Amino acid sequence: MDKAIEINQKQLIKYKGEVVFNKQNCLPHISLIMGAINKEDIPAISNILKKIASGFKIFNLIADGYRSPLIPSGEIYSEYTVKNTKELQRLHETIIKKLNRFLTYNITIDMLCSSPAFDKTTLLFIKNYLKNSSYKNFEPHISLGVGKTENVATPIAFTASTLALCHLGNYCTCRKILFSTNLSSPIAV
């Protein structure tokens, strides 16, 4: 988390962007599923996530690359690529199978956590997550914000110990944790 925030800060020196990662209201993360849910379903979803988490241990992962692709808005949006593992893929697929019935992909801007402005790319990413970014198309990554920087060292070993349900903001940032639960002891990569 600290390294992602550091790279984001370096990018902000050269590139204008509203994505300013921190540990309070703009959290670096790996997206495992995206969509809109009804507020009333948060307790049921939280219980399901708690059960899922009990079947997984803390992940020892590797950020194995840094890339800066152009997103549909034409901006450069950097990310750490994360080496996928069988267990991370299994977690991703388990979450989709258990939670997909709660999700809708008919997303509007007013459903997002408030922000000064919204990029239309945000809605496209959420609306198309299931089709473009899940199952065989799942490419775990940690977004780093608008821009790019030079000489980003990889690989970086890190642990992922928390499963969280978040209210998304612009650029699919995690702006507010609605529920979180911890995983147990580590799984080696």
C-alpha atoms as a PDB file:
ATOM      1  CA  MET A   1       0.000   0.000   0.000  1.00  0.00           C
ATOM      2  CA  ASP A   2       2.799   2.390   0.920  1.00  0.00           C
ATOM      3  CA  LYS A   3       4.621   1.785  -2.387  1.00  0.00           C
ATOM      4  CA  ALA A   4       1.437   2.367  -4.420  1.00  0.00           C
ATOM      5  CA  ILE A   5       0.820   5.645  -2.580  1.00  0.00           C
ATOM      6  CA  GLU A   6       4.458   6.683  -3.160  1.00  0.00           C
ATOM      7  CA  ILE A   7       4.254   6.034  -6.936  1.00  0.00           C
ATOM      8  CA  ASN A   8       0.911   7.849  -7.112  1.00  0.00           C
ATOM      9  CA  GLN A   9       2.499  10.890  -5.413  1.00  0.00           C
ATOM     10  CA  LYS A  10       5.395  10.882  -7.921  1.00  0.00           C
ATOM     11  CA  GLN A  11       2.952  10.767 -10.833  1.00  0.00           C
ATOM     12  CA  LEU A  12       0.965  13.692  -9.428  1.00  0.00           C
ATOM     13  CA  ILE A  13       4.043  15.921  -9.629  1.00  0.00           C
ATOM     14  CA  LYS A  14       3.957  15.764 -13.438  1.00  0.00           C
ATOM     15  CA  TYR A  15       0.332  14.838 -14.203  1.00  0.00           C
ATOM     16  CA  LYS A  16      -2.845  16.521 -13.053  1.00  0.00           C
ATOM     17  CA  GLY A  17      -5.246  14.071 -11.516  1.00  0.00           C
ATOM     18  CA  GLU A  18      -7.840  13.802  -8.796  1.00  0.00           C
ATOM     19  CA  VAL A  19      -6.800  10.278  -7.800  1.00  0.00           C
ATOM     20  CA  VAL A  20      -4.675  10.856  -4.715  1.00  0.00           C
ATOM     21  CA  PHE A  21      -4.181   7.542  -2.962  1.00  0.00           C
ATOM     22  CA  ASN A  22      -4.105   7.400   0.816  1.00  0.00           C
ATOM     23  CA  LYS A  23      -5.091   5.007   3.599  1.00  0.00           C
ATOM     24  CA  GLN A  24      -8.366   6.760   4.497  1.00  0.00           C
ATOM     25  CA  ASN A  25     -10.571   7.467   1.472  1.00  0.00           C
ATOM     26  CA  CYS A  26      -8.736   6.414  -1.685  1.00  0.00           C
ATOM     27  CA  LEU A  27      -7.280   2.977  -1.059  1.00  0.00           C
ATOM     28  CA  PRO A  28      -4.899   1.070  -3.327  1.00  0.00           C
ATOM     29  CA  HIS A  29      -6.554  -2.312  -3.970  1.00  0.00           C
ATOM     30  CA  ILE A  30      -7.018  -5.303  -6.264  1.00  0.00           C
ATOM     31  CA  SER A  31     -10.558  -5.366  -7.704  1.00  0.00           C
ATOM     32  CA  LEU A  32     -12.114  -8.830  -7.513  1.00  0.00           C
ATOM     33  CA  ILE A  33     -15.623  -7.835  -8.673  1.00  0.00           C
ATOM     34  CA  MET A  34     -17.428  -4.585  -9.534  1.00  0.00           C
ATOM     35  CA  GLY A  35     -21.045  -3.558  -9.915  1.00  0.00           C
ATOM     36  CA  ALA A  36     -23.872  -1.796  -8.103  1.00  0.00           C
ATOM     37  CA  ILE A  37     -25.731  -3.245  -5.133  1.00  0.00           C
ATOM     38  CA  ASN A  38     -28.779  -2.233  -3.133  1.00  0.00           C
ATOM     39  CA  LYS A  39     -27.969  -0.690   0.230  1.00  0.00           C
ATOM     40  CA  GLU A  40     -30.352  -3.161   1.875  1.00  0.00           C
ATOM     41  CA  ASP A  41     -28.203  -6.071   0.650  1.00  0.00           C
ATOM     42  CA  ILE A  42     -25.028  -4.936   2.437  1.00  0.00           C
ATOM     43  CA  PRO A  43     -25.641  -7.160   5.513  1.00  0.00           C
ATOM     44  CA  ALA A  44     -26.243 -10.272   3.366  1.00  0.00           C
ATOM     45  CA  ILE A  45     -23.229  -9.506   1.161  1.00  0.00           C
ATOM     46  CA  SER A  46     -21.102  -8.887   4.257  1.00  0.00           C
ATOM     47  CA  ASN A  47     -22.063 -12.294   5.657  1.00  0.00           C
ATOM     48  CA  ILE A  48     -21.189 -13.982   2.366  1.00  0.00           C
ATOM     49  CA  LEU A  49     -17.819 -12.198   2.235  1.00  0.00           C
ATOM     50  CA  LYS A  50     -17.102 -13.255   5.814  1.00  0.00           C
ATOM     51  CA  LYS A  51     -17.795 -16.906   4.877  1.00  0.00           C
ATOM     52  CA  ILE A  52     -15.656 -16.636   1.743  1.00  0.00           C
ATOM     53  CA  ALA A  53     -12.789 -15.076   3.722  1.00  0.00           C
ATOM     54  CA  SER A  54     -12.863 -17.958   6.191  1.00  0.00           C
ATOM     55  CA  GLY A  55     -11.904 -20.272   3.311  1.00  0.00           C
ATOM     56  CA  PHE A  56      -8.846 -18.261   2.260  1.00  0.00           C
ATOM     57  CA  LYS A  57      -5.595 -17.362   3.916  1.00  0.00           C
ATOM     58  CA  ILE A  58      -3.525 -14.169   3.650  1.00  0.00           C
ATOM     59  CA  PHE A  59      -2.059 -13.933   0.164  1.00  0.00           C
ATOM     60  CA  ASN A  60       1.651 -13.492  -0.454  1.00  0.00           C
ATOM     61  CA  LEU A  61       1.596 -11.769  -3.836  1.00  0.00           C
ATOM     62  CA  ILE A  62       4.017 -10.160  -6.257  1.00  0.00           C
ATOM     63  CA  ALA A  63       3.590  -6.906  -8.153  1.00  0.00           C
ATOM     64  CA  ASP A  64       5.523  -8.167 -11.158  1.00  0.00           C
ATOM     65  CA  GLY A  65       5.355  -5.161 -13.464  1.00  0.00           C
ATOM     66  CA  TYR A  66       4.462  -1.505 -13.956  1.00  0.00           C
ATOM     67  CA  ARG A  67       2.545  -0.359 -17.005  1.00  0.00           C
ATOM     68  CA  SER A  68       0.905   2.841 -18.164  1.00  0.00           C
ATOM     69  CA  PRO A  69      -1.807   2.092 -20.729  1.00  0.00           C
ATOM     70  CA  LEU A  70      -4.120   4.629 -22.312  1.00  0.00           C
ATOM     71  CA  ILE A  71      -7.666   4.339 -20.989  1.00  0.00           C
ATOM     72  CA  PRO A  72     -10.721   5.127 -23.180  1.00  0.00           C
ATOM     73  CA  SER A  73     -10.637   8.797 -22.113  1.00  0.00           C
ATOM     74  CA  GLY A  74      -7.184   9.056 -23.731  1.00  0.00           C
ATOM     75  CA  GLU A  75      -5.386   9.496 -20.408  1.00  0.00           C
ATOM     76  CA  ILE A  76      -2.409   7.477 -19.240  1.00  0.00           C
ATOM     77  CA  TYR A  77      -3.453   5.471 -16.185  1.00  0.00           C
ATOM     78  CA  SER A  78      -0.688   3.497 -14.515  1.00  0.00           C
ATOM     79  CA  GLU A  79      -0.845   0.287 -12.559  1.00  0.00           C
ATOM     80  CA  TYR A  80       1.177  -2.425 -10.936  1.00  0.00           C
ATOM     81  CA  THR A  81       0.437  -5.752 -12.564  1.00  0.00           C
ATOM     82  CA  VAL A  82       0.006  -8.499  -9.998  1.00  0.00           C
ATOM     83  CA  LYS A  83       1.058 -12.055 -10.744  1.00  0.00           C
ATOM     84  CA  ASN A  84      -2.101 -14.136 -10.700  1.00  0.00           C
ATOM     85  CA  THR A  85      -2.080 -17.321  -8.639  1.00  0.00           C
ATOM     86  CA  LYS A  86      -4.481 -20.261  -8.592  1.00  0.00           C
ATOM     87  CA  GLU A  87      -5.745 -19.178  -5.166  1.00  0.00           C
ATOM     88  CA  LEU A  88      -6.251 -15.526  -6.207  1.00  0.00           C
ATOM     89  CA  GLN A  89      -8.127 -16.692  -9.307  1.00  0.00           C
ATOM     90  CA  ARG A  90     -10.215 -19.028  -7.127  1.00  0.00           C
ATOM     91  CA  LEU A  91     -11.042 -16.145  -4.756  1.00  0.00           C
ATOM     92  CA  HIS A  92     -12.067 -13.937  -7.685  1.00  0.00           C
ATOM     93  CA  GLU A  93     -14.313 -16.636  -9.183  1.00  0.00           C
ATOM     94  CA  THR A  94     -15.818 -17.595  -5.813  1.00  0.00           C
ATOM     95  CA  ILE A  95     -16.776 -13.980  -5.120  1.00  0.00           C
ATOM     96  CA  ILE A  96     -18.388 -13.606  -8.542  1.00  0.00           C
ATOM     97  CA  LYS A  97     -20.368 -16.842  -8.168  1.00  0.00           C
ATOM     98  CA  LYS A  98     -21.588 -15.960  -4.664  1.00  0.00           C
ATOM     99  CA  LEU A  99     -22.289 -12.231  -5.188  1.00  0.00           C
ATOM    100  CA  ASN A 100     -23.302 -11.828  -8.820  1.00  0.00           C
ATOM    101  CA  ARG A 101     -27.018 -12.246  -7.971  1.00  0.00           C
ATOM    102  CA  PHE A 102     -26.803  -9.046  -5.899  1.00  0.00           C
ATOM    103  CA  LEU A 103     -25.204  -6.953  -8.647  1.00  0.00           C
ATOM    104  CA  THR A 104     -26.541  -4.780 -11.390  1.00  0.00           C
ATOM    105  CA  TYR A 105     -24.477  -3.223 -14.141  1.00  0.00           C
ATOM    106  CA  ASN A 106     -26.948  -0.486 -14.988  1.00  0.00           C
ATOM    107  CA  ILE A 107     -24.710   2.111 -13.329  1.00  0.00           C
ATOM    108  CA  THR A 108     -25.271   5.852 -13.163  1.00  0.00           C
ATOM    109  CA  ILE A 109     -22.946   8.559 -11.847  1.00  0.00           C
ATOM    110  CA  ASP A 110     -25.156   9.269  -8.833  1.00  0.00           C
ATOM    111  CA  MET A 111     -24.435   5.745  -7.553  1.00  0.00           C
ATOM    112  CA  LEU A 112     -20.736   6.529  -7.130  1.00  0.00           C
ATOM    113  CA  CYS A 113     -19.188   7.979  -4.006  1.00  0.00           C
ATOM    114  CA  SER A 114     -19.193  11.756  -4.432  1.00  0.00           C
ATOM    115  CA  SER A 115     -16.289  13.364  -6.191  1.00  0.00           C
ATOM    116  CA  PRO A 116     -15.636  16.743  -7.819  1.00  0.00           C
ATOM    117  CA  ALA A 117     -15.958  15.288 -11.333  1.00  0.00           C
ATOM    118  CA  PHE A 118     -16.410  11.920 -12.994  1.00  0.00           C
ATOM    119  CA  ASP A 119     -14.707  10.463 -16.009  1.00  0.00           C
ATOM    120  CA  LYS A 120     -17.089   8.493 -18.248  1.00  0.00           C
ATOM    121  CA  THR A 121     -14.452   5.761 -18.293  1.00  0.00           C
ATOM    122  CA  THR A 122     -15.445   4.926 -14.706  1.00  0.00           C
ATOM    123  CA  LEU A 123     -18.942   3.891 -15.757  1.00  0.00           C
ATOM    124  CA  LEU A 124     -17.568   1.886 -18.694  1.00  0.00           C
ATOM    125  CA  PHE A 125     -15.197  -0.066 -16.441  1.00  0.00           C
ATOM    126  CA  ILE A 126     -17.955  -0.930 -13.968  1.00  0.00           C
ATOM    127  CA  LYS A 127     -20.607  -1.719 -16.599  1.00  0.00           C
ATOM    128  CA  ASN A 128     -18.220  -4.009 -18.473  1.00  0.00           C
ATOM    129  CA  TYR A 129     -16.330  -5.557 -15.561  1.00  0.00           C
ATOM    130  CA  LEU A 130     -18.021  -8.944 -15.722  1.00  0.00           C
ATOM    131  CA  LYS A 131     -17.541  -9.226 -19.509  1.00  0.00           C
ATOM    132  CA  ASN A 132     -14.075  -7.680 -19.839  1.00  0.00           C
ATOM    133  CA  SER A 133     -12.269  -8.325 -16.562  1.00  0.00           C
ATOM    134  CA  SER A 134     -13.513 -11.527 -14.985  1.00  0.00           C
ATOM    135  CA  TYR A 135     -12.877 -15.258 -15.168  1.00  0.00           C
ATOM    136  CA  LYS A 136     -10.367 -15.864 -18.002  1.00  0.00           C
ATOM    137  CA  ASN A 137     -10.008 -12.083 -18.465  1.00  0.00           C
ATOM    138  CA  PHE A 138      -9.110 -11.456 -14.811  1.00  0.00           C
ATOM    139  CA  GLU A 139      -5.830  -9.534 -14.711  1.00  0.00           C
ATOM    140  CA  PRO A 140      -5.136  -8.568 -11.113  1.00  0.00           C
ATOM    141  CA  HIS A 141      -3.551  -5.156 -10.758  1.00  0.00           C
ATOM    142  CA  ILE A 142      -3.251  -2.202  -8.422  1.00  0.00           C
ATOM    143  CA  SER A 143      -4.191   1.083 -10.072  1.00  0.00           C
ATOM    144  CA  LEU A 144      -1.767   3.928  -9.417  1.00  0.00           C
ATOM    145  CA  GLY A 145      -3.630   6.866 -10.927  1.00  0.00           C
ATOM    146  CA  VAL A 146      -3.302   9.201 -13.883  1.00  0.00           C
ATOM    147  CA  GLY A 147       0.169   9.542 -15.362  1.00  0.00           C
ATOM    148  CA  LYS A 148       3.366   7.580 -15.271  1.00  0.00           C
ATOM    149  CA  THR A 149       6.784   7.806 -13.718  1.00  0.00           C
ATOM    150  CA  GLU A 150      10.175   6.433 -14.658  1.00  0.00           C
ATOM    151  CA  ASN A 151      12.314   3.792 -12.991  1.00  0.00           C
ATOM    152  CA  VAL A 152       9.601   1.960 -11.073  1.00  0.00           C
ATOM    153  CA  ALA A 153      11.253  -1.070  -9.535  1.00  0.00           C
ATOM    154  CA  THR A 154       9.516  -4.437  -9.692  1.00  0.00           C
ATOM    155  CA  PRO A 155       9.002  -7.126  -8.582  1.00  0.00           C
ATOM    156  CA  ILE A 156       7.577  -6.144  -5.201  1.00  0.00           C
ATOM    157  CA  ALA A 157       6.467  -8.845  -2.772  1.00  0.00           C
ATOM    158  CA  PHE A 158       3.477  -7.930  -0.616  1.00  0.00           C
ATOM    159  CA  THR A 159       0.669  -9.465   1.384  1.00  0.00           C
ATOM    160  CA  ALA A 160      -3.068  -9.048   0.922  1.00  0.00           C
ATOM    161  CA  SER A 161      -4.838  -9.724   4.198  1.00  0.00           C
ATOM    162  CA  THR A 162      -8.231  -8.003   3.924  1.00  0.00           C
ATOM    163  CA  LEU A 163     -11.353  -8.613   1.874  1.00  0.00           C
ATOM    164  CA  ALA A 164     -13.467  -5.445   1.642  1.00  0.00           C
ATOM    165  CA  LEU A 165     -16.716  -4.199   0.159  1.00  0.00           C
ATOM    166  CA  CYS A 166     -16.157  -0.602  -0.967  1.00  0.00           C
ATOM    167  CA  HIS A 167     -18.164   2.294  -2.354  1.00  0.00           C
ATOM    168  CA  LEU A 168     -16.459   3.221  -5.600  1.00  0.00           C
ATOM    169  CA  GLY A 169     -15.525   6.696  -6.734  1.00  0.00           C
ATOM    170  CA  ASN A 170     -14.067   8.132  -9.924  1.00  0.00           C
ATOM    171  CA  TYR A 171     -11.695   5.799 -11.814  1.00  0.00           C
ATOM    172  CA  CYS A 172     -13.105   2.882  -9.727  1.00  0.00           C
ATOM    173  CA  THR A 173     -11.221   4.015  -6.644  1.00  0.00           C
ATOM    174  CA  CYS A 174     -12.183   2.559  -3.258  1.00  0.00           C
ATOM    175  CA  ARG A 175     -13.522   5.639  -1.486  1.00  0.00           C
ATOM    176  CA  LYS A 176     -15.410   4.175   1.467  1.00  0.00           C
ATOM    177  CA  ILE A 177     -15.175   0.779   3.132  1.00  0.00           C
ATOM    178  CA  LEU A 178     -18.690  -0.569   3.732  1.00  0.00           C
ATOM    179  CA  PHE A 179     -17.489  -3.877   5.207  1.00  0.00           C
ATOM    180  CA  SER A 180     -14.159  -5.636   5.667  1.00  0.00           C
ATOM    181  CA  THR A 181     -12.927  -8.898   7.069  1.00  0.00           C
ATOM    182  CA  ASN A 182      -9.465 -10.373   7.540  1.00  0.00           C
ATOM    183  CA  LEU A 183      -8.079 -13.505   5.981  1.00  0.00           C
ATOM    184  CA  SER A 184      -6.098 -15.930   8.175  1.00  0.00           C
ATOM    185  CA  SER A 185      -2.466 -17.143   8.054  1.00  0.00           C
ATOM    186  CA  PRO A 186      -0.388 -16.818   4.844  1.00  0.00           C
ATOM    187  CA  ILE A 187      -0.533 -18.798   1.604  1.00  0.00           C
ATOM    188  CA  ALA A 188       2.863 -19.092  -0.097  1.00  0.00           C
ATOM    189  CA  VAL A 189       3.103 -18.194  -3.791  1.00  0.00           C
END
